[in-house]
Amino acid sequence: MNKHLSISPEVAEALATGKPVVALESTIISHGMPYPQNVQTALKVEQTIRDHGAVPATIAIIGGKLKAGCTPEEIEYLGKQGQKVTKASRRDLPVLVARKADGATTVTTTMIIAAMAGIKVFATGGIGGVHRGAETTMDISADLEELAQTPVMVICAGAKSILDLGLTLEYLETKGVPVIGYGTEELPAFYTRHSGFKVDYRIDTPEELAAAFHAKQSLGLKGGMLVTNPIPEEYSMPADVINTAIDQAIDEANRLGIRGKESTPFLLAKVKELTGGDSLAANIQLVLNNARLAALTAGCLAKLD
């Protein structure tokens, strides 16, 4: 085992005995929502995974240790610290570990640490992708590169709708990452169920999701698999409402010169403000929905492994 990796006793026991485990990111705790909703949501997501037969493993960097499985106290700590905690991507890991510092894991670093621990399924809100205007800014999320090389199934509500969804799909195709629609042939766009873009395949059951990922590994193909799970209909926001808010948020970010890793937290916070908090409520529900599917899929995968 990597000397920098710390696996919680509950997660270690589950992995040793072949029980299903689902990884969870921590950026959503420190950067995605305000306190105390961030902590409440994180604990509710963990409970949802337990309720559906799997063991949750919230992943973070605490005191320079790569944690696969956080205690409620550690989740509370991350929630209270908020944006004081470094939003950690792949490039940040060496320095944070060397400094014995804290880091909130993005999709990228959650995948890295999950793979180190032997966790194959990861539930999150939405992945990063190719940002609008990337043809001039080159602003492309490291999440896409990680999906191309790290063997973890990522279950999300699609790419965040602040992105260029068409270019994000093109990038994933180039990297050989299968994009699966759960119960849909259309890429969901985080807050909304519809984007107008097609996924590679539609799959309708957790059993078939598990079988597809198991086959990918059996074939020796590197990289992960992206499962896009639409937000439940009752929580989906109208596309015109969310797109108008996103356009306004992007205009303001450009005006203020906000770029790089600061752009996504700024845009999500601005969209929340412009939608009167509706986007935060939608965010919580889509994460819970993804956690349920991830737990069921991890259970099916454990039987195949």
Foldseek 3Di string as FASTA:
>chain_A
DPPQEDEDPVRLVCVVVLFFEAEEFFCCQQQVDAPPVSLVLVVVLQVLLVVQGGGYFYWWQAQLHTYGRDDSVVSVVSNVCRPVAAADAPVCNVVCNVRRGIYTYALRVSLVNCLVSPHAEYEYEAHEAAAVVCVPVVAGDCNLVQQLAGRHEYEYQAHALRGDRVVRQVSNVVSVAAEEEAVDQARGHRLAGHDPHGGPYYDHALLVVLVVSVVCVVVVRGGYYYYHYHQPPVLRDDPVLLVVQSVVQVVVCVVVVPDDPRSVSSSSVSSCVSVVNSSVVSSSRRSSVRSSSRSNNSNSNSVVD
